C-alpha atoms as a PDB file:
ATOM      1  CA  MET A   1       3.389  52.140  54.770  1.00  0.00           C
ATOM      2  CA  SER A   2       2.682  48.435  54.131  1.00  0.00           C
ATOM      3  CA  LEU A   3       1.554  45.998  56.811  1.00  0.00           C
ATOM      4  CA  ASP A   4       4.980  44.344  56.621  1.00  0.00           C
ATOM      5  CA  SER A   5       6.685  47.600  57.497  1.00  0.00           C
ATOM      6  CA  LEU A   6       4.109  48.179  60.251  1.00  0.00           C
ATOM      7  CA  ASP A   7       4.977  44.756  61.639  1.00  0.00           C
ATOM      8  CA  GLY A   8       8.599  45.855  61.554  1.00  0.00           C
ATOM      9  CA  VAL A   9       7.775  49.012  63.480  1.00  0.00           C
ATOM     10  CA  LEU A  10       5.793  47.021  66.043  1.00  0.00           C
ATOM     11  CA  HIS A  11       8.613  44.488  66.389  1.00  0.00           C
ATOM     12  CA  TYR A  12      11.134  47.315  66.809  1.00  0.00           C
ATOM     13  CA  ALA A  13       8.943  49.003  69.409  1.00  0.00           C
ATOM     14  CA  MET A  14       8.443  45.806  71.355  1.00  0.00           C
ATOM     15  CA  GLN A  15      12.148  45.009  71.167  1.00  0.00           C
ATOM     16  CA  LYS A  16      13.105  48.371  72.614  1.00  0.00           C
ATOM     17  CA  CYS A  17      10.202  48.327  75.110  1.00  0.00           C
ATOM     18  CA  SER A  18      10.001  52.086  74.923  1.00  0.00           C
ATOM     19  CA  VAL A  19       7.736  54.430  73.019  1.00  0.00           C
ATOM     20  CA  LYS A  20      10.576  56.886  72.449  1.00  0.00           C
ATOM     21  CA  TYR A  21      12.150  54.516  69.909  1.00  0.00           C
ATOM     22  CA  VAL A  22       9.023  54.272  67.731  1.00  0.00           C
ATOM     23  CA  PRO A  23       9.127  56.582  64.724  1.00  0.00           C
ATOM     24  CA  GLU A  24       6.110  58.835  64.535  1.00  0.00           C
ATOM     25  CA  LEU A  25       3.139  57.073  62.992  1.00  0.00           C
ATOM     26  CA  THR A  26       0.112  58.582  61.396  1.00  0.00           C
ATOM     27  CA  VAL A  27      -3.258  57.776  62.936  1.00  0.00           C
ATOM     28  CA  ARG A  28      -3.999  55.574  59.919  1.00  0.00           C
ATOM     29  CA  GLN A  29      -0.729  53.654  60.306  1.00  0.00           C
ATOM     30  CA  ALA A  30      -1.298  53.159  64.019  1.00  0.00           C
ATOM     31  CA  ARG A  31      -4.847  51.958  63.341  1.00  0.00           C
ATOM     32  CA  GLU A  32      -3.579  49.472  60.720  1.00  0.00           C
ATOM     33  CA  MET A  33      -0.849  48.266  63.083  1.00  0.00           C
ATOM     34  CA  LEU A  34      -3.329  47.631  65.896  1.00  0.00           C
ATOM     35  CA  ALA A  35      -5.873  45.989  63.585  1.00  0.00           C
ATOM     36  CA  SER A  36      -3.205  43.627  62.264  1.00  0.00           C
ATOM     37  CA  TRP A  37      -2.065  42.776  65.789  1.00  0.00           C
ATOM     38  CA  ALA A  38      -5.668  42.173  66.918  1.00  0.00           C
ATOM     39  CA  ALA A  39      -6.339  39.889  63.934  1.00  0.00           C
ATOM     40  CA  ASP A  40      -3.213  37.861  64.712  1.00  0.00           C
ATOM     41  CA  ARG A  41      -4.227  37.615  68.355  1.00  0.00           C
ATOM     42  CA  ARG A  42      -7.767  36.475  67.488  1.00  0.00           C
ATOM     43  CA  ALA A  43      -6.313  33.780  65.218  1.00  0.00           C
ATOM     44  CA  VAL A  44      -4.072  32.524  68.013  1.00  0.00           C
ATOM     45  CA  ASP A  45      -6.780  32.780  70.689  1.00  0.00           C
ATOM     46  CA  GLY A  46      -9.161  30.877  68.440  1.00  0.00           C
ATOM     47  CA  ARG A  47      -6.856  27.855  68.557  1.00  0.00           C
ATOM     48  CA  ARG A  48      -5.972  28.095  72.255  1.00  0.00           C
ATOM     49  CA  ASP A  49      -8.464  25.553  73.606  1.00  0.00           C
ATOM     50  CA  GLU A  50      -7.668  23.026  70.875  1.00  0.00           C
ATOM     51  CA  VAL A  51      -3.915  23.329  71.462  1.00  0.00           C
ATOM     52  CA  VAL A  52      -4.292  23.050  75.251  1.00  0.00           C
ATOM     53  CA  ARG A  53      -6.509  19.949  74.978  1.00  0.00           C
ATOM     54  CA  THR A  54      -4.104  18.344  72.504  1.00  0.00           C
ATOM     55  CA  ALA A  55      -1.142  19.004  74.807  1.00  0.00           C
ATOM     56  CA  ALA A  56      -3.012  17.500  77.769  1.00  0.00           C
ATOM     57  CA  GLU A  57      -4.001  14.455  75.713  1.00  0.00           C
ATOM     58  CA  ALA A  58      -0.349  14.042  74.759  1.00  0.00           C
ATOM     59  CA  GLY A  59       0.551  13.803  78.439  1.00  0.00           C
ATOM     60  CA  LEU A  60       1.452  17.299  79.624  1.00  0.00           C
ATOM     61  CA  ILE A  61       0.166  18.029  83.099  1.00  0.00           C
ATOM     62  CA  LYS A  62      -1.786  21.177  83.915  1.00  0.00           C
ATOM     63  CA  SER A  63       1.086  22.773  85.849  1.00  0.00           C
ATOM     64  CA  GLU A  64       3.431  22.383  82.873  1.00  0.00           C
ATOM     65  CA  ILE A  65       0.849  23.774  80.449  1.00  0.00           C
ATOM     66  CA  HIS A  66       0.431  26.738  82.814  1.00  0.00           C
ATOM     67  CA  ARG A  67       4.193  27.258  83.052  1.00  0.00           C
ATOM     68  CA  LEU A  68       4.684  27.118  79.282  1.00  0.00           C
ATOM     69  CA  THR A  69       1.697  29.261  78.295  1.00  0.00           C
ATOM     70  CA  GLY A  70       0.961  31.522  81.241  1.00  0.00           C
ATOM     71  CA  ILE A  71      -2.713  30.528  81.016  1.00  0.00           C
ATOM     72  CA  ALA A  72      -4.314  30.658  84.458  1.00  0.00           C
ATOM     73  CA  ARG A  73      -4.925  27.294  86.103  1.00  0.00           C
ATOM     74  CA  SER A  74      -8.610  28.137  86.527  1.00  0.00           C
ATOM     75  CA  THR A  75      -8.840  28.764  82.777  1.00  0.00           C
ATOM     76  CA  LEU A  76      -7.060  25.468  82.139  1.00  0.00           C
ATOM     77  CA  ASP A  77      -9.616  23.748  84.396  1.00  0.00           C
ATOM     78  CA  ARG A  78     -12.404  25.217  82.284  1.00  0.00           C
ATOM     79  CA  ILE A  79     -10.719  24.244  79.001  1.00  0.00           C
ATOM     80  CA  LEU A  80      -9.884  20.726  80.145  1.00  0.00           C
ATOM     81  CA  GLY A  81     -13.212  20.189  81.875  1.00  0.00           C
ATOM     82  CA  ALA A  82     -13.947  19.284  85.474  1.00  0.00           C
ATOM     83  CA  GLY A  83     -11.374  16.978  87.002  1.00  0.00           C
ATOM     84  CA  GLY A  84      -8.617  17.978  84.549  1.00  0.00           C
ATOM     85  CA  GLY A  85      -6.267  18.310  87.490  1.00  0.00           C
ATOM     86  CA  ASP A  86      -2.598  17.408  87.147  1.00  0.00           C
ATOM     87  CA  GLN A  87      -3.350  13.990  85.675  1.00  0.00           C
ATOM     88  CA  PRO A  88      -1.639  13.281  82.354  1.00  0.00           C
END
């Protein structure tokens, strides 16, 4: 099974939100699926601070960044530095 088809399986599983809809996977396929997901997540997480700072510099306030991203306000404080507050 290719990574594209594994992505399809993952998408299908997430769409249905139930394990009973996932076709049986081999251990190898499940491992590849999770490794691919983890790599994608690391790539996104690696850009998080940069994207948050850029959004704040563009004028978004901390509460809006929190609402749009779900990132905790305390984490936003750390990313934006002391005194980030709700100032644009």
